[in-house]
PDB file of all heavy atoms in Angstrom:
ATOM      1  N   VAL A   1     132.407  46.646  93.769  1.00  0.00           N
ATOM      2  CA  VAL A   1     132.982  45.853  92.689  1.00  0.00           C
ATOM      3  C   VAL A   1     131.947  44.880  92.133  1.00  0.00           C
ATOM      4  O   VAL A   1     131.942  44.579  90.942  1.00  0.00           O
ATOM      5  CB  VAL A   1     134.234  45.093  93.180  1.00  0.00           C
ATOM      6  CG1 VAL A   1     134.717  44.097  92.130  1.00  0.00           C
ATOM      7  CG2 VAL A   1     135.341  46.076  93.533  1.00  0.00           C
ATOM      8  N   TRP A   2     131.064  44.377  93.003  1.00  0.00           N
ATOM      9  CA  TRP A   2     130.003  43.468  92.567  1.00  0.00           C
ATOM     10  C   TRP A   2     128.742  43.785  93.351  1.00  0.00           C
ATOM     11  O   TRP A   2     128.782  43.953  94.575  1.00  0.00           O
ATOM     12  CB  TRP A   2     130.401  42.012  92.793  1.00  0.00           C
ATOM     13  CG  TRP A   2     129.372  41.006  92.349  1.00  0.00           C
ATOM     14  CD1 TRP A   2     129.218  40.483  91.103  1.00  0.00           C
ATOM     15  CD2 TRP A   2     128.354  40.397  93.160  1.00  0.00           C
ATOM     16  NE1 TRP A   2     128.166  39.597  91.080  1.00  0.00           N
ATOM     17  CE2 TRP A   2     127.622  39.510  92.336  1.00  0.00           C
ATOM     18  CE3 TRP A   2     127.985  40.514  94.506  1.00  0.00           C
ATOM     19  CZ2 TRP A   2     126.554  38.753  92.803  1.00  0.00           C
ATOM     20  CZ3 TRP A   2     126.916  39.764  94.975  1.00  0.00           C
ATOM     21  CH2 TRP A   2     126.217  38.884  94.132  1.00  0.00           C
ATOM     22  N   THR A   3     127.617  43.867  92.640  1.00  0.00           N
ATOM     23  CA  THR A   3     126.345  44.216  93.272  1.00  0.00           C
ATOM     24  C   THR A   3     125.239  43.361  92.657  1.00  0.00           C
ATOM     25  O   THR A   3     125.230  43.118  91.444  1.00  0.00           O
ATOM     26  CB  THR A   3     126.021  45.713  93.074  1.00  0.00           C
ATOM     27  OG1 THR A   3     127.107  46.500  93.587  1.00  0.00           O
ATOM     28  CG2 THR A   3     124.744  46.106  93.791  1.00  0.00           C
ATOM     29  N   LEU A   4     124.324  42.913  93.501  1.00  0.00           N
ATOM     30  CA  LEU A   4     123.193  42.116  93.039  1.00  0.00           C
ATOM     31  C   LEU A   4     121.912  42.723  93.577  1.00  0.00           C
ATOM     32  O   LEU A   4     121.784  42.969  94.776  1.00  0.00           O
ATOM     33  CB  LEU A   4     123.327  40.671  93.542  1.00  0.00           C
ATOM     34  CG  LEU A   4     122.127  39.741  93.310  1.00  0.00           C
ATOM     35  CD1 LEU A   4     121.898  39.511  91.818  1.00  0.00           C
ATOM     36  CD2 LEU A   4     122.321  38.411  94.042  1.00  0.00           C
ATOM     37  N   LYS A   5     120.974  42.968  92.680  1.00  0.00           N
ATOM     38  CA  LYS A   5     119.655  43.491  93.051  1.00  0.00           C
ATOM     39  C   LYS A   5     118.618  42.393  92.855  1.00  0.00           C
ATOM     40  O   LYS A   5     118.528  41.797  91.781  1.00  0.00           O
ATOM     41  CB  LYS A   5     119.302  44.710  92.194  1.00  0.00           C
ATOM     42  CG  LYS A   5     117.914  45.289  92.473  1.00  0.00           C
ATOM     43  CD  LYS A   5     117.610  46.474  91.555  1.00  0.00           C
ATOM     44  CE  LYS A   5     117.586  46.081  90.098  1.00  0.00           C
ATOM     45  NZ  LYS A   5     117.164  47.175  89.195  1.00  0.00           N
ATOM     46  N   ILE A   6     117.828  42.115  93.887  1.00  0.00           N
ATOM     47  CA  ILE A   6     116.768  41.114  93.832  1.00  0.00           C
ATOM     48  C   ILE A   6     115.468  41.777  94.266  1.00  0.00           C
ATOM     49  O   ILE A   6     115.437  42.460  95.298  1.00  0.00           O
ATOM     50  CB  ILE A   6     117.057  39.922  94.752  1.00  0.00           C
ATOM     51  CG1 ILE A   6     118.455  39.354  94.491  1.00  0.00           C
ATOM     52  CG2 ILE A   6     115.996  38.832  94.588  1.00  0.00           C
ATOM     53  CD1 ILE A   6     118.948  38.450  95.598  1.00  0.00           C
ATOM     54  N   THR A   7     114.416  41.571  93.514  1.00  0.00           N
ATOM     55  CA  THR A   7     113.123  42.168  93.837  1.00  0.00           C
ATOM     56  C   THR A   7     112.046  41.096  93.853  1.00  0.00           C
ATOM     57  O   THR A   7     111.922  40.313  92.903  1.00  0.00           O
ATOM     58  CB  THR A   7     112.736  43.251  92.807  1.00  0.00           C
ATOM     59  OG1 THR A   7     113.794  44.210  92.694  1.00  0.00           O
ATOM     60  CG2 THR A   7     111.449  43.968  93.233  1.00  0.00           C
ATOM     61  N   TRP A   8     111.309  41.047  94.928  1.00  0.00           N
ATOM     62  CA  TRP A   8     110.117  40.212  95.024  1.00  0.00           C
ATOM     63  C   TRP A   8     108.909  41.134  94.826  1.00  0.00           C
ATOM     64  O   TRP A   8     108.667  42.025  95.638  1.00  0.00           O
ATOM     65  CB  TRP A   8     110.017  39.551  96.389  1.00  0.00           C
ATOM     66  CG  TRP A   8     111.071  38.528  96.703  1.00  0.00           C
ATOM     67  CD1 TRP A   8     110.919  37.173  96.651  1.00  0.00           C
ATOM     68  CD2 TRP A   8     112.406  38.750  97.173  1.00  0.00           C
ATOM     69  NE1 TRP A   8     112.083  36.548  97.054  1.00  0.00           N
ATOM     70  CE2 TRP A   8     113.010  37.489  97.377  1.00  0.00           C
ATOM     71  CE3 TRP A   8     113.161  39.911  97.430  1.00  0.00           C
ATOM     72  CZ2 TRP A   8     114.310  37.352  97.827  1.00  0.00           C
ATOM     73  CZ3 TRP A   8     114.462  39.775  97.871  1.00  0.00           C
ATOM     74  CH2 TRP A   8     115.032  38.509  98.066  1.00  0.00           C
ATOM     75  N   GLU A   9     108.173  40.960  93.740  1.00  0.00           N
ATOM     76  CA  GLU A   9     107.078  41.868  93.417  1.00  0.00           C
ATOM     77  C   GLU A   9     105.727  41.191  93.617  1.00  0.00           C
ATOM     78  O   GLU A   9     105.454  40.136  93.041  1.00  0.00           O
ATOM     79  CB  GLU A   9     107.178  42.359  91.974  1.00  0.00           C
ATOM     80  CG  GLU A   9     106.064  43.344  91.615  1.00  0.00           C
ATOM     81  CD  GLU A   9     106.047  43.697  90.139  1.00  0.00           C
ATOM     82  OE1 GLU A   9     106.128  42.766  89.309  1.00  0.00           O
ATOM     83  OE2 GLU A   9     105.951  44.883  89.812  1.00  0.00           O
ATOM     84  N   LYS A  10     104.880  41.784  94.459  1.00  0.00           N
ATOM     85  CA  LYS A  10     103.494  41.362  94.678  1.00  0.00           C
ATOM     86  C   LYS A  10     103.399  39.855  94.963  1.00  0.00           C
ATOM     87  O   LYS A  10     102.623  39.133  94.331  1.00  0.00           O
ATOM     88  CB  LYS A  10     102.621  41.753  93.479  1.00  0.00           C
ATOM     89  CG  LYS A  10     102.518  43.263  93.290  1.00  0.00           C
ATOM     90  CD  LYS A  10     101.595  43.627  92.144  1.00  0.00           C
ATOM     91  CE  LYS A  10     101.469  45.151  92.021  1.00  0.00           C
ATOM     92  NZ  LYS A  10     100.602  45.551  90.895  1.00  0.00           N
ATOM     93  N   ALA A  11     104.191  39.407  95.920  1.00  0.00           N
ATOM     94  CA  ALA A  11     104.191  37.989  96.270  1.00  0.00           C
ATOM     95  C   ALA A  11     102.997  37.666  97.164  1.00  0.00           C
ATOM     96  O   ALA A  11     102.851  38.256  98.233  1.00  0.00           O
ATOM     97  CB  ALA A  11     105.485  37.634  96.991  1.00  0.00           C
ATOM     98  N   PRO A  12     102.140  36.727  96.761  1.00  0.00           N
ATOM     99  CA  PRO A  12     101.026  36.323  97.623  1.00  0.00           C
ATOM    100  C   PRO A  12     101.528  35.382  98.717  1.00  0.00           C
ATOM    101  O   PRO A  12     102.553  34.720  98.569  1.00  0.00           O
ATOM    102  CB  PRO A  12     100.076  35.583  96.672  1.00  0.00           C
ATOM    103  CG  PRO A  12     100.600  35.831  95.294  1.00  0.00           C
ATOM    104  CD  PRO A  12     102.062  36.093  95.452  1.00  0.00           C
ATOM    105  N   VAL A  13     100.794  35.300  99.786  1.00  0.00           N
ATOM    106  CA  VAL A  13     101.149  34.397 100.873  1.00  0.00           C
ATOM    107  C   VAL A  13     100.934  32.954 100.422  1.00  0.00           C
ATOM    108  O   VAL A  13     100.097  32.669  99.555  1.00  0.00           O
ATOM    109  CB  VAL A  13     100.313  34.710 102.135  1.00  0.00           C
ATOM    110  CG1 VAL A  13      98.849  34.377 101.920  1.00  0.00           C
ATOM    111  CG2 VAL A  13     100.870  33.982 103.354  1.00  0.00           C
ATOM    112  N   TYR A  14     101.706  32.038 100.959  1.00  0.00           N
ATOM    113  CA  TYR A  14     101.568  30.621 100.632  1.00  0.00           C
ATOM    114  C   TYR A  14     100.143  30.128 100.909  1.00  0.00           C
ATOM    115  O   TYR A  14      99.536  30.491 101.914  1.00  0.00           O
ATOM    116  CB  TYR A  14     102.562  29.804 101.457  1.00  0.00           C
ATOM    117  CG  TYR A  14     102.424  28.315 101.267  1.00  0.00           C
ATOM    118  CD1 TYR A  14     102.746  27.712 100.053  1.00  0.00           C
ATOM    119  CD2 TYR A  14     101.961  27.517 102.301  1.00  0.00           C
ATOM    120  CE1 TYR A  14     102.625  26.356  99.859  1.00  0.00           C
ATOM    121  CE2 TYR A  14     101.833  26.134 102.123  1.00  0.00           C
ATOM    122  CZ  TYR A  14     102.163  25.566 100.907  1.00  0.00           C
ATOM    123  OH  TYR A  14     102.036  24.216 100.727  1.00  0.00           O
ATOM    124  N   ALA A  15      99.642  29.312  99.994  1.00  0.00           N
ATOM    125  CA  ALA A  15      98.295  28.743 100.093  1.00  0.00           C
ATOM    126  C   ALA A  15      97.208  29.809 100.007  1.00  0.00           C
ATOM    127  O   ALA A  15      96.151  29.689 100.605  1.00  0.00           O
ATOM    128  CB  ALA A  15      98.134  27.925 101.371  1.00  0.00           C
ATOM    129  N   ALA A  16      97.494  30.878  99.252  1.00  0.00           N
ATOM    130  CA  ALA A  16      96.479  31.919  99.042  1.00  0.00           C
ATOM    131  C   ALA A  16      95.540  31.455  97.925  1.00  0.00           C
ATOM    132  O   ALA A  16      95.614  31.896  96.786  1.00  0.00           O
ATOM    133  CB  ALA A  16      97.137  33.243  98.675  1.00  0.00           C
ATOM    134  N   ARG A  17      94.646  30.548  98.257  1.00  0.00           N
ATOM    135  CA  ARG A  17      93.821  29.912  97.236  1.00  0.00           C
ATOM    136  C   ARG A  17      92.675  30.790  96.744  1.00  0.00           C
ATOM    137  O   ARG A  17      92.206  30.652  95.625  1.00  0.00           O
ATOM    138  CB  ARG A  17      93.251  28.602  97.797  1.00  0.00           C
ATOM    139  CG  ARG A  17      94.313  27.575  98.156  1.00  0.00           C
ATOM    140  CD  ARG A  17      95.026  27.097  96.907  1.00  0.00           C
ATOM    141  NE  ARG A  17      96.029  26.093  97.213  1.00  0.00           N
ATOM    142  CZ  ARG A  17      97.300  26.202  96.887  1.00  0.00           C
ATOM    143  NH1 ARG A  17      97.728  27.265  96.258  1.00  0.00           N
ATOM    144  NH2 ARG A  17      98.147  25.235  97.169  1.00  0.00           N
ATOM    145  N   THR A  18      92.211  31.683  97.576  1.00  0.00           N
ATOM    146  CA  THR A  18      91.026  32.452  97.189  1.00  0.00           C
ATOM    147  C   THR A  18      91.305  33.941  97.051  1.00  0.00           C
ATOM    148  O   THR A  18      90.660  34.619  96.259  1.00  0.00           O
ATOM    149  CB  THR A  18      89.897  32.255  98.216  1.00  0.00           C
ATOM    150  OG1 THR A  18      90.361  32.652  99.515  1.00  0.00           O
ATOM    151  CG2 THR A  18      89.482  30.787  98.261  1.00  0.00           C
ATOM    152  N   ASP A  19      92.249  34.466  97.829  1.00  0.00           N
ATOM    153  CA  ASP A  19      92.493  35.912  97.817  1.00  0.00           C
ATOM    154  C   ASP A  19      93.975  36.166  97.594  1.00  0.00           C
ATOM    155  O   ASP A  19      94.792  35.939  98.479  1.00  0.00           O
ATOM    156  CB  ASP A  19      92.042  36.533  99.139  1.00  0.00           C
ATOM    157  CG  ASP A  19      92.147  38.064  99.111  1.00  0.00           C
ATOM    158  OD1 ASP A  19      92.562  38.606  98.063  1.00  0.00           O
ATOM    159  OD2 ASP A  19      91.821  38.702 100.125  1.00  0.00           O
ATOM    160  N   THR A  20      94.315  36.622  96.393  1.00  0.00           N
ATOM    161  CA  THR A  20      95.708  36.949  96.085  1.00  0.00           C
ATOM    162  C   THR A  20      95.901  38.458  95.951  1.00  0.00           C
ATOM    163  O   THR A  20      96.892  38.917  95.391  1.00  0.00           O
ATOM    164  CB  THR A  20      96.144  36.256  94.783  1.00  0.00           C
ATOM    165  OG1 THR A  20      95.247  36.648  93.718  1.00  0.00           O
ATOM    166  CG2 THR A  20      96.122  34.745  94.919  1.00  0.00           C
ATOM    167  N   ARG A  21      94.966  39.228  96.481  1.00  0.00           N
ATOM    168  CA  ARG A  21      95.076  40.682  96.365  1.00  0.00           C
ATOM    169  C   ARG A  21      96.055  41.259  97.376  1.00  0.00           C
ATOM    170  O   ARG A  21      96.681  42.282  97.116  1.00  0.00           O
ATOM    171  CB  ARG A  21      93.698  41.324  96.552  1.00  0.00           C
ATOM    172  CG  ARG A  21      92.713  41.024  95.416  1.00  0.00           C
ATOM    173  CD  ARG A  21      91.330  41.510  95.751  1.00  0.00           C
ATOM    174  NE  ARG A  21      90.781  40.816  96.923  1.00  0.00           N
ATOM    175  CZ  ARG A  21      89.612  41.083  97.469  1.00  0.00           C
ATOM    176  NH1 ARG A  21      88.856  42.058  96.959  1.00  0.00           N
ATOM    177  NH2 ARG A  21      89.184  40.408  98.520  1.00  0.00           N
ATOM    178  N   LYS A  22      96.163  40.657  98.533  1.00  0.00           N
ATOM    179  CA  LYS A  22      97.088  41.152  99.554  1.00  0.00           C
ATOM    180  C   LYS A  22      98.456  40.517  99.333  1.00  0.00           C
ATOM    181  O   LYS A  22      98.641  39.314  99.547  1.00  0.00           O
ATOM    182  CB  LYS A  22      96.560  40.833 100.958  1.00  0.00           C
ATOM    183  CG  LYS A  22      95.286  41.590 101.309  1.00  0.00           C
ATOM    184  CD  LYS A  22      94.872  41.326 102.745  1.00  0.00           C
ATOM    185  CE  LYS A  22      93.596  42.072 103.093  1.00  0.00           C
ATOM    186  NZ  LYS A  22      93.769  43.535 103.002  1.00  0.00           N
ATOM    187  N   THR A  23      99.397  41.315  98.870  1.00  0.00           N
ATOM    188  CA  THR A  23     100.714  40.817  98.488  1.00  0.00           C
ATOM    189  C   THR A  23     101.799  41.621  99.203  1.00  0.00           C
ATOM    190  O   THR A  23     101.509  42.600  99.914  1.00  0.00           O
ATOM    191  CB  THR A  23     100.909  40.930  96.970  1.00  0.00           C
ATOM    192  OG1 THR A  23     100.845  42.320  96.584  1.00  0.00           O
ATOM    193  CG2 THR A  23      99.841  40.147  96.211  1.00  0.00           C
ATOM    194  N   VAL A  24     103.045  41.192  99.015  1.00  0.00           N
ATOM    195  CA  VAL A  24     104.182  41.939  99.559  1.00  0.00           C
ATOM    196  C   VAL A  24     105.177  42.210  98.438  1.00  0.00           C
ATOM    197  O   VAL A  24     105.375  41.373  97.547  1.00  0.00           O
ATOM    198  CB  VAL A  24     104.872  41.177 100.717  1.00  0.00           C
ATOM    199  CG1 VAL A  24     103.960  41.098 101.928  1.00  0.00           C
ATOM    200  CG2 VAL A  24     105.310  39.779 100.300  1.00  0.00           C
ATOM    201  N   THR A  25     105.786  43.386  98.480  1.00  0.00           N
ATOM    202  CA  THR A  25     106.803  43.773  97.500  1.00  0.00           C
ATOM    203  C   THR A  25     108.003  44.322  98.255  1.00  0.00           C
ATOM    204  O   THR A  25     107.876  45.267  99.032  1.00  0.00           O
ATOM    205  CB  THR A  25     106.266  44.827  96.525  1.00  0.00           C
ATOM    206  OG1 THR A  25     105.165  44.282  95.787  1.00  0.00           O
ATOM    207  CG2 THR A  25     107.350  45.263  95.550  1.00  0.00           C
ATOM    208  N   TYR A  26     109.154  43.719  98.026  1.00  0.00           N
ATOM    209  CA  TYR A  26     110.358  44.142  98.743  1.00  0.00           C
ATOM    210  C   TYR A  26     111.584  43.833  97.908  1.00  0.00           C
ATOM    211  O   TYR A  26     111.496  43.213  96.847  1.00  0.00           O
ATOM    212  CB  TYR A  26     110.432  43.484 100.121  1.00  0.00           C
ATOM    213  CG  TYR A  26     110.400  41.975 100.119  1.00  0.00           C
ATOM    214  CD1 TYR A  26     111.570  41.237 100.205  1.00  0.00           C
ATOM    215  CD2 TYR A  26     109.187  41.280 100.015  1.00  0.00           C
ATOM    216  CE1 TYR A  26     111.544  39.849 100.203  1.00  0.00           C
ATOM    217  CE2 TYR A  26     109.154  39.897 100.014  1.00  0.00           C
ATOM    218  CZ  TYR A  26     110.341  39.186 100.110  1.00  0.00           C
ATOM    219  OH  TYR A  26     110.307  37.818 100.103  1.00  0.00           O
ATOM    220  N   GLN A  27     112.742  44.272  98.399  1.00  0.00           N
ATOM    221  CA  GLN A  27     113.941  44.252  97.571  1.00  0.00           C
ATOM    222  C   GLN A  27     115.168  44.052  98.452  1.00  0.00           C
ATOM    223  O   GLN A  27     115.209  44.501  99.603  1.00  0.00           O
ATOM    224  CB  GLN A  27     114.041  45.582  96.829  1.00  0.00           C
ATOM    225  CG  GLN A  27     114.953  45.645  95.649  1.00  0.00           C
ATOM    226  CD  GLN A  27     114.741  46.954  94.886  1.00  0.00           C
ATOM    227  OE1 GLN A  27     115.018  48.045  95.409  1.00  0.00           O
ATOM    228  NE2 GLN A  27     114.228  46.871  93.668  1.00  0.00           N
ATOM    229  N   ALA A  28     116.150  43.371  97.902  1.00  0.00           N
ATOM    230  CA  ALA A  28     117.443  43.217  98.566  1.00  0.00           C
ATOM    231  C   ALA A  28     118.539  43.620  97.591  1.00  0.00           C
ATOM    232  O   ALA A  28     118.489  43.267  96.410  1.00  0.00           O
ATOM    233  CB  ALA A  28     117.654  41.783  99.031  1.00  0.00           C
ATOM    234  N   VAL A  29     119.521  44.348  98.085  1.00  0.00           N
ATOM    235  CA  VAL A  29     120.673  44.733  97.282  1.00  0.00           C
ATOM    236  C   VAL A  29     121.922  44.303  98.033  1.00  0.00           C
ATOM    237  O   VAL A  29     122.203  44.812  99.119  1.00  0.00           O
ATOM    238  CB  VAL A  29     120.714  46.253  97.012  1.00  0.00           C
ATOM    239  CG1 VAL A  29     121.947  46.609  96.194  1.00  0.00           C
ATOM    240  CG2 VAL A  29     119.445  46.709  96.297  1.00  0.00           C
ATOM    241  N   LEU A  30     122.642  43.323  97.483  1.00  0.00           N
ATOM    242  CA  LEU A  30     123.906  42.888  98.061  1.00  0.00           C
ATOM    243  C   LEU A  30     125.035  43.553  97.291  1.00  0.00           C
ATOM    244  O   LEU A  30     124.991  43.637  96.054  1.00  0.00           O
ATOM    245  CB  LEU A  30     124.067  41.367  97.969  1.00  0.00           C
ATOM    246  CG  LEU A  30     123.236  40.521  98.916  1.00  0.00           C
ATOM    247  CD1 LEU A  30     121.815  40.364  98.390  1.00  0.00           C
ATOM    248  CD2 LEU A  30     123.868  39.156  99.115  1.00  0.00           C
ATOM    249  N   THR A  31     126.056  44.007  97.999  1.00  0.00           N
ATOM    250  CA  THR A  31     127.159  44.678  97.335  1.00  0.00           C
ATOM    251  C   THR A  31     128.458  44.424  98.099  1.00  0.00           C
ATOM    252  O   THR A  31     128.446  44.279  99.328  1.00  0.00           O
ATOM    253  CB  THR A  31     126.872  46.193  97.204  1.00  0.00           C
ATOM    254  OG1 THR A  31     127.923  46.822  96.455  1.00  0.00           O
ATOM    255  CG2 THR A  31     126.751  46.859  98.564  1.00  0.00           C
ATOM    256  N   THR A  32     129.561  44.350  97.372  1.00  0.00           N
ATOM    257  CA  THR A  32     130.856  44.101  98.005  1.00  0.00           C
ATOM    258  C   THR A  32     131.977  44.737  97.199  1.00  0.00           C
ATOM    259  O   THR A  32     131.859  44.925  95.981  1.00  0.00           O
ATOM    260  CB  THR A  32     131.115  42.589  98.153  1.00  0.00           C
ATOM    261  OG1 THR A  32     132.354  42.383  98.843  1.00  0.00           O
ATOM    262  CG2 THR A  32     131.179  41.892  96.797  1.00  0.00           C
ATOM    263  N   ASP A  33     133.065  45.037  97.900  1.00  0.00           N
ATOM    264  CA  ASP A  33     134.292  45.473  97.236  1.00  0.00           C
ATOM    265  C   ASP A  33     135.354  44.380  97.296  1.00  0.00           C
ATOM    266  O   ASP A  33     136.506  44.604  96.944  1.00  0.00           O
ATOM    267  CB  ASP A  33     134.825  46.768  97.848  1.00  0.00           C
ATOM    268  CG  ASP A  33     135.157  46.631  99.336  1.00  0.00           C
ATOM    269  OD1 ASP A  33     135.061  45.503  99.875  1.00  0.00           O
ATOM    270  OD2 ASP A  33     135.512  47.650  99.964  1.00  0.00           O
ATOM    271  N   GLY A  34     134.961  43.207  97.744  1.00  0.00           N
ATOM    272  CA  GLY A  34     135.883  42.093  97.887  1.00  0.00           C
ATOM    273  C   GLY A  34     136.446  41.959  99.285  1.00  0.00           C
ATOM    274  O   GLY A  34     136.977  40.902  99.641  1.00  0.00           O
ATOM    275  N   PHE A  35     136.332  43.007 100.083  1.00  0.00           N
ATOM    276  CA  PHE A  35     136.820  43.000 101.466  1.00  0.00           C
ATOM    277  C   PHE A  35     135.689  43.195 102.463  1.00  0.00           C
ATOM    278  O   PHE A  35     135.662  42.582 103.520  1.00  0.00           O
ATOM    279  CB  PHE A  35     137.873  44.099 101.659  1.00  0.00           C
ATOM    280  CG  PHE A  35     139.069  43.943 100.773  1.00  0.00           C
ATOM    281  CD1 PHE A  35     139.144  44.631  99.570  1.00  0.00           C
ATOM    282  CD2 PHE A  35     140.110  43.103 101.121  1.00  0.00           C
ATOM    283  CE1 PHE A  35     140.250  44.490  98.739  1.00  0.00           C
ATOM    284  CE2 PHE A  35     141.212  42.950 100.303  1.00  0.00           C
ATOM    285  CZ  PHE A  35     141.286  43.655  99.101  1.00  0.00           C
TER     286      PHE A  35
END
């Protein structure tokens, strides 16, 4: 009945001041029918 898709794309690690090439990409999908 309700679904939410969230995507984090190419997120650098905190305080990545010099190298932002190594990133993470992942996704969450929440869904419910009310019950």
